[in-house]
Each structure stands twice: as structure tokens, then as C-alpha cells.
Amino acid sequence: MYWISKIIVFCIPLFFVAENPVAMQWNENYKLSWDDFQGTPPNKSPFVASTQSGIYFSYSSQNKNGEITLTTSVSANFYPENSWYFSKNVNAAILKHEQGHFDISEIHARELRKKFSMYTVSENFKNELQSIYSETENNRNTMQNKYDKETNHSKIIEKQKQWERFIQQELSRLKNWK
């Protein structure tokens, strides 16, 4: 018996309006610019900018004579149409903070690639992959919230610098899963 299936799952926070938002994949040689933030700011917000990013993964499976093989793909994505800023209230430091949010998504994309590389395929792989993804996504959301809280959205400069160092260390630690 031989069969192939392909399933695509991606993380887009529930408040996204677009069904298929345009996405930019994280790239170590590219830093966000304000031109990348193409969304319309809300009428009122306590924040001056918002980065929408997430983890996308897909997999394909093959079953040949009872042996299941998986191929996975993972990326960290930035969603320009859902990311916005108030032009009169932003500066380079805030843009660096927003880049940090995208970098945190890449950290977790690498964590997910690492977990998938160590995964032993079973017949319940669909649920198990989803569970691995959900755990990683929960960790990503927790880190994103901690980043904003500890830096007060970039306002606590020393904490922002500490986070920038930490983010770079984590990206380096996980470089084998780029």
C-alpha cells in the first residue's frame, strides 16, 4: 500500500481579518523597515506600532509498505498588511523593538524545526505534530508577551538592550536549525 498526503497548517493570530495574508519570511540578511508595515493603524491604540508575525509549518507524508516518512517545512513569517505604525510617534529604537518580535518568531521556528528533526514518526503523527506545534506556539506567545512587558514596549532602554542580546544569543544557539 502506498499513499501520499499533504497538510498545511499555519499560525495566524485570530484577530487577522485577511484569509490569506501576504507573508514575508524571516531572513537573517534583512531587517524590517517602516515600509514593511502596510496595515492601517486603529483609530485608538495605547501602542505606536504593531508587528504581526507567526510560525508557519507544513508537512507531507508517505506510507510505503507500512513505513511512514515525513517531510516538514517551517518558517517564521511577518504579515505586512496586518502590521502598522503611527508615523509621528515612531523612531529607530521602536523599529528595532518590532524587529525583535519578528526575531522571536524565528527563534521559535528554529525550535520547531529542531523538535521535528528529533521526532520519531508514529501512526498518530498528525496529532503529535500539531501538539508539538501548539506547545511551541504557546512558548512563542509567552516570550512575545514577556518581551513587551519587561521592556515596556521598548521604553525601558536597559531591558531592551538585554533582550536584544538574549535574542541574538538564542538565534546563534539555534543556528543549526535555520
C-alpha atoms as a PDB file:
ATOM      1  CA  MET A   1       0.000   0.000   0.000  1.00  0.00           C
ATOM      2  CA  TYR A   2       1.328   3.414  -0.971  1.00  0.00           C
ATOM      3  CA  TRP A   3      -0.217   6.781  -0.227  1.00  0.00           C
ATOM      4  CA  ILE A   4       0.841  10.393  -0.007  1.00  0.00           C
ATOM      5  CA  SER A   5      -0.847  13.133   1.923  1.00  0.00           C
ATOM      6  CA  LYS A   6      -0.031  16.768   2.352  1.00  0.00           C
ATOM      7  CA  ILE A   7      -1.374  19.039   5.030  1.00  0.00           C
ATOM      8  CA  ILE A   8      -0.616  22.699   5.540  1.00  0.00           C
ATOM      9  CA  VAL A   9      -1.081  24.348   8.902  1.00  0.00           C
ATOM     10  CA  PHE A  10      -0.087  27.869   9.748  1.00  0.00           C
ATOM     11  CA  CYS A  11      -0.371  30.165  12.680  1.00  0.00           C
ATOM     12  CA  ILE A  12      -2.179  33.402  12.186  1.00  0.00           C
ATOM     13  CA  PRO A  13      -3.497  35.093  15.295  1.00  0.00           C
ATOM     14  CA  LEU A  14      -7.285  35.001  15.461  1.00  0.00           C
ATOM     15  CA  PHE A  15      -7.696  38.732  15.024  1.00  0.00           C
ATOM     16  CA  PHE A  16      -6.393  38.695  11.446  1.00  0.00           C
ATOM     17  CA  VAL A  17      -9.073  39.741   9.017  1.00  0.00           C
ATOM     18  CA  ALA A  18      -7.478  38.526   5.803  1.00  0.00           C
ATOM     19  CA  GLU A  19      -7.930  34.856   4.950  1.00  0.00           C
ATOM     20  CA  ASN A  20      -4.640  34.620   3.061  1.00  0.00           C
ATOM     21  CA  PRO A  21      -2.408  37.419   4.268  1.00  0.00           C
ATOM     22  CA  VAL A  22       0.734  38.261   2.354  1.00  0.00           C
ATOM     23  CA  ALA A  23       3.726  36.984   4.297  1.00  0.00           C
ATOM     24  CA  MET A  24       7.423  37.805   4.363  1.00  0.00           C
ATOM     25  CA  GLN A  25       9.688  35.014   5.554  1.00  0.00           C
ATOM     26  CA  TRP A  26      12.339  35.823   8.130  1.00  0.00           C
ATOM     27  CA  ASN A  27      15.766  36.326   6.573  1.00  0.00           C
ATOM     28  CA  GLU A  28      18.962  36.899   8.555  1.00  0.00           C
ATOM     29  CA  ASN A  29      20.173  39.359   5.907  1.00  0.00           C
ATOM     30  CA  TYR A  30      17.059  41.539   6.002  1.00  0.00           C
ATOM     31  CA  LYS A  31      15.848  43.851   8.756  1.00  0.00           C
ATOM     32  CA  LEU A  32      12.350  45.292   8.804  1.00  0.00           C
ATOM     33  CA  SER A  33      11.801  48.877   7.695  1.00  0.00           C
ATOM     34  CA  TRP A  34       8.778  51.041   8.319  1.00  0.00           C
ATOM     35  CA  ASP A  35       7.866  50.492   4.657  1.00  0.00           C
ATOM     36  CA  ASP A  36       7.133  46.865   5.544  1.00  0.00           C
ATOM     37  CA  PHE A  37       4.350  47.939   7.903  1.00  0.00           C
ATOM     38  CA  GLN A  38       1.469  48.378   5.474  1.00  0.00           C
ATOM     39  CA  GLY A  39      -1.538  47.909   7.726  1.00  0.00           C
ATOM     40  CA  THR A  40      -3.853  50.695   8.769  1.00  0.00           C
ATOM     41  CA  PRO A  41      -3.419  51.728  12.406  1.00  0.00           C
ATOM     42  CA  PRO A  42      -6.516  51.509  14.587  1.00  0.00           C
ATOM     43  CA  ASN A  43      -8.285  54.736  15.485  1.00  0.00           C
ATOM     44  CA  LYS A  44      -7.109  54.446  19.078  1.00  0.00           C
ATOM     45  CA  SER A  45      -4.305  52.355  20.481  1.00  0.00           C
ATOM     46  CA  PRO A  46      -2.036  52.583  23.507  1.00  0.00           C
ATOM     47  CA  PHE A  47       0.762  51.383  21.186  1.00  0.00           C
ATOM     48  CA  VAL A  48       2.617  53.230  18.434  1.00  0.00           C
ATOM     49  CA  ALA A  49       3.337  50.140  16.312  1.00  0.00           C
ATOM     50  CA  SER A  50       2.303  46.518  15.959  1.00  0.00           C
ATOM     51  CA  THR A  51       4.217  43.634  14.394  1.00  0.00           C
ATOM     52  CA  GLN A  52       2.168  40.647  13.336  1.00  0.00           C
ATOM     53  CA  SER A  53       4.282  37.563  12.899  1.00  0.00           C
ATOM     54  CA  GLY A  54       3.888  33.851  13.377  1.00  0.00           C
ATOM     55  CA  ILE A  55       5.123  30.385  12.608  1.00  0.00           C
ATOM     56  CA  TYR A  56       4.018  28.504   9.513  1.00  0.00           C
ATOM     57  CA  PHE A  57       4.556  24.808   9.061  1.00  0.00           C
ATOM     58  CA  SER A  58       3.596  22.211   6.543  1.00  0.00           C
ATOM     59  CA  TYR A  59       4.329  18.557   6.128  1.00  0.00           C
ATOM     60  CA  SER A  60       3.905  15.777   3.667  1.00  0.00           C
ATOM     61  CA  SER A  61       3.797  12.110   4.495  1.00  0.00           C
ATOM     62  CA  GLN A  62       4.320   8.911   2.592  1.00  0.00           C
ATOM     63  CA  ASN A  63       3.347   5.411   3.610  1.00  0.00           C
ATOM     64  CA  LYS A  64       5.135   2.734   1.679  1.00  0.00           C
ATOM     65  CA  ASN A  65       4.629  -0.828   2.863  1.00  0.00           C
ATOM     66  CA  GLY A  66       3.663   0.369   6.326  1.00  0.00           C
ATOM     67  CA  GLU A  67       6.656   2.669   6.744  1.00  0.00           C
ATOM     68  CA  ILE A  68       5.655   6.300   7.196  1.00  0.00           C
ATOM     69  CA  THR A  69       8.079   9.050   6.250  1.00  0.00           C
ATOM     70  CA  LEU A  70       7.540  12.740   6.872  1.00  0.00           C
ATOM     71  CA  THR A  71       8.928  15.874   5.299  1.00  0.00           C
ATOM     72  CA  THR A  72       8.354  19.094   7.222  1.00  0.00           C
ATOM     73  CA  SER A  73       8.820  22.755   6.391  1.00  0.00           C
ATOM     74  CA  VAL A  74       8.791  25.587   8.943  1.00  0.00           C
ATOM     75  CA  SER A  75       9.117  29.348   8.543  1.00  0.00           C
ATOM     76  CA  ALA A  76       8.731  32.485  10.621  1.00  0.00           C
ATOM     77  CA  ASN A  77       6.551  34.971   8.790  1.00  0.00           C
ATOM     78  CA  PHE A  78       5.861  38.690   9.079  1.00  0.00           C
ATOM     79  CA  TYR A  79       2.482  39.919   7.844  1.00  0.00           C
ATOM     80  CA  PRO A  80       2.893  43.433   6.341  1.00  0.00           C
ATOM     81  CA  GLU A  81      -0.807  44.063   5.757  1.00  0.00           C
ATOM     82  CA  ASN A  82      -1.573  43.360   9.422  1.00  0.00           C
ATOM     83  CA  SER A  83       1.389  45.280  10.850  1.00  0.00           C
ATOM     84  CA  TRP A  84       1.069  49.018  11.371  1.00  0.00           C
ATOM     85  CA  TYR A  85       2.579  52.120  12.983  1.00  0.00           C
ATOM     86  CA  PHE A  86       1.786  55.747  13.710  1.00  0.00           C
ATOM     87  CA  SER A  87       4.389  57.615  11.679  1.00  0.00           C
ATOM     88  CA  LYS A  88       4.535  60.632  14.015  1.00  0.00           C
ATOM     89  CA  ASN A  89       5.287  58.506  17.064  1.00  0.00           C
ATOM     90  CA  VAL A  90       7.975  56.053  15.941  1.00  0.00           C
ATOM     91  CA  ASN A  91      11.751  56.065  15.691  1.00  0.00           C
ATOM     92  CA  ALA A  92      14.666  53.703  15.030  1.00  0.00           C
ATOM     93  CA  ALA A  93      14.576  52.295  18.579  1.00  0.00           C
ATOM     94  CA  ILE A  94      10.933  51.303  18.204  1.00  0.00           C
ATOM     95  CA  LEU A  95      11.653  49.707  14.821  1.00  0.00           C
ATOM     96  CA  LYS A  96      14.437  47.688  16.462  1.00  0.00           C
ATOM     97  CA  HIS A  97      11.938  46.574  19.110  1.00  0.00           C
ATOM     98  CA  GLU A  98       9.492  45.499  16.401  1.00  0.00           C
ATOM     99  CA  GLN A  99      12.297  43.558  14.667  1.00  0.00           C
ATOM    100  CA  GLY A 100      12.757  41.790  17.997  1.00  0.00           C
ATOM    101  CA  HIS A 101       9.198  40.476  17.762  1.00  0.00           C
ATOM    102  CA  PHE A 102       9.905  39.025  14.319  1.00  0.00           C
ATOM    103  CA  ASP A 103      13.200  37.567  15.580  1.00  0.00           C
ATOM    104  CA  ILE A 104      11.375  35.895  18.473  1.00  0.00           C
ATOM    105  CA  SER A 105       9.128  34.188  15.913  1.00  0.00           C
ATOM    106  CA  GLU A 106      12.269  32.959  14.126  1.00  0.00           C
ATOM    107  CA  ILE A 107      13.670  31.605  17.399  1.00  0.00           C
ATOM    108  CA  HIS A 108      10.542  29.518  17.793  1.00  0.00           C
ATOM    109  CA  ALA A 109      10.543  28.452  14.147  1.00  0.00           C
ATOM    110  CA  ARG A 110      14.041  27.089  14.773  1.00  0.00           C
ATOM    111  CA  GLU A 111      12.849  25.381  17.954  1.00  0.00           C
ATOM    112  CA  LEU A 112      10.053  23.784  15.965  1.00  0.00           C
ATOM    113  CA  ARG A 113      12.478  22.606  13.249  1.00  0.00           C
ATOM    114  CA  LYS A 114      14.677  21.128  15.986  1.00  0.00           C
ATOM    115  CA  LYS A 115      11.744  19.303  17.586  1.00  0.00           C
ATOM    116  CA  PHE A 116      10.567  17.988  14.211  1.00  0.00           C
ATOM    117  CA  SER A 117      14.105  16.766  13.430  1.00  0.00           C
ATOM    118  CA  MET A 118      14.089  14.689  16.629  1.00  0.00           C
ATOM    119  CA  TYR A 119      10.519  13.424  16.169  1.00  0.00           C
ATOM    120  CA  THR A 120      10.037   9.681  15.715  1.00  0.00           C
ATOM    121  CA  VAL A 121       7.137   9.062  13.337  1.00  0.00           C
ATOM    122  CA  SER A 122       4.154   7.114  14.622  1.00  0.00           C
ATOM    123  CA  GLU A 123       0.718   6.359  13.198  1.00  0.00           C
ATOM    124  CA  ASN A 124      -0.626   9.273  15.231  1.00  0.00           C
ATOM    125  CA  PHE A 125       1.785  11.741  13.602  1.00  0.00           C
ATOM    126  CA  LYS A 126      -0.883  14.281  12.627  1.00  0.00           C
ATOM    127  CA  ASN A 127      -1.972  14.855  16.220  1.00  0.00           C
ATOM    128  CA  GLU A 128       1.584  14.637  17.506  1.00  0.00           C
ATOM    129  CA  LEU A 129       2.909  17.227  15.038  1.00  0.00           C
ATOM    130  CA  GLN A 130       0.013  19.521  15.924  1.00  0.00           C
ATOM    131  CA  SER A 131       0.774  19.056  19.615  1.00  0.00           C
ATOM    132  CA  ILE A 132       4.469  19.872  19.099  1.00  0.00           C
ATOM    133  CA  TYR A 133       3.467  22.948  17.110  1.00  0.00           C
ATOM    134  CA  SER A 134       0.909  24.077  19.733  1.00  0.00           C
ATOM    135  CA  GLU A 135       3.459  23.792  22.531  1.00  0.00           C
ATOM    136  CA  THR A 136       5.987  25.808  20.513  1.00  0.00           C
ATOM    137  CA  GLU A 137       3.381  28.414  19.614  1.00  0.00           C
ATOM    138  CA  ASN A 138       2.377  28.781  23.270  1.00  0.00           C
ATOM    139  CA  ASN A 139       6.041  29.304  24.167  1.00  0.00           C
ATOM    140  CA  ARG A 140       6.349  31.889  21.375  1.00  0.00           C
ATOM    141  CA  ASN A 141       3.343  33.837  22.617  1.00  0.00           C
ATOM    142  CA  THR A 142       4.631  33.721  26.184  1.00  0.00           C
ATOM    143  CA  MET A 143       8.021  35.069  25.103  1.00  0.00           C
ATOM    144  CA  GLN A 144       6.420  37.809  22.969  1.00  0.00           C
ATOM    145  CA  ASN A 145       4.343  38.978  25.942  1.00  0.00           C
ATOM    146  CA  LYS A 146       7.312  38.805  28.325  1.00  0.00           C
ATOM    147  CA  TYR A 147       9.400  40.843  25.857  1.00  0.00           C
ATOM    148  CA  ASP A 148       6.805  43.623  25.746  1.00  0.00           C
ATOM    149  CA  LYS A 149       6.191  43.561  29.495  1.00  0.00           C
ATOM    150  CA  GLU A 150       9.854  43.604  30.540  1.00  0.00           C
ATOM    151  CA  THR A 151      10.817  46.327  28.044  1.00  0.00           C
ATOM    152  CA  ASN A 152       7.539  48.219  28.429  1.00  0.00           C
ATOM    153  CA  HIS A 153       7.264  48.082  24.634  1.00  0.00           C
ATOM    154  CA  SER A 154      10.866  49.365  24.178  1.00  0.00           C
ATOM    155  CA  LYS A 155      10.631  52.195  26.737  1.00  0.00           C
ATOM    156  CA  ILE A 156      12.948  50.589  29.317  1.00  0.00           C
ATOM    157  CA  ILE A 157      16.174  51.002  27.397  1.00  0.00           C
ATOM    158  CA  GLU A 158      18.435  48.762  29.525  1.00  0.00           C
ATOM    159  CA  LYS A 159      15.881  45.916  29.428  1.00  0.00           C
ATOM    160  CA  GLN A 160      15.543  46.407  25.659  1.00  0.00           C
ATOM    161  CA  LYS A 161      19.314  46.022  25.273  1.00  0.00           C
ATOM    162  CA  GLN A 162      19.273  42.886  27.450  1.00  0.00           C
ATOM    163  CA  TRP A 163      16.536  41.400  25.285  1.00  0.00           C
ATOM    164  CA  GLU A 164      18.398  42.264  22.093  1.00  0.00           C
ATOM    165  CA  ARG A 165      21.445  40.382  23.397  1.00  0.00           C
ATOM    166  CA  PHE A 166      19.291  37.448  24.505  1.00  0.00           C
ATOM    167  CA  ILE A 167      17.518  37.255  21.131  1.00  0.00           C
ATOM    168  CA  GLN A 168      20.853  37.215  19.274  1.00  0.00           C
ATOM    169  CA  GLN A 169      22.186  34.526  21.632  1.00  0.00           C
ATOM    170  CA  GLU A 170      19.120  32.367  21.031  1.00  0.00           C
ATOM    171  CA  LEU A 171      19.356  32.769  17.255  1.00  0.00           C
ATOM    172  CA  SER A 172      23.011  31.773  17.461  1.00  0.00           C
ATOM    173  CA  ARG A 173      22.287  28.838  19.792  1.00  0.00           C
ATOM    174  CA  LEU A 174      19.745  27.538  17.289  1.00  0.00           C
ATOM    175  CA  LYS A 175      21.773  28.284  14.122  1.00  0.00           C
ATOM    176  CA  ASN A 176      21.770  24.608  13.118  1.00  0.00           C
ATOM    177  CA  TRP A 177      18.003  24.843  12.594  1.00  0.00           C
ATOM    178  CA  LYS A 178      17.928  27.886  10.266  1.00  0.00           C
END
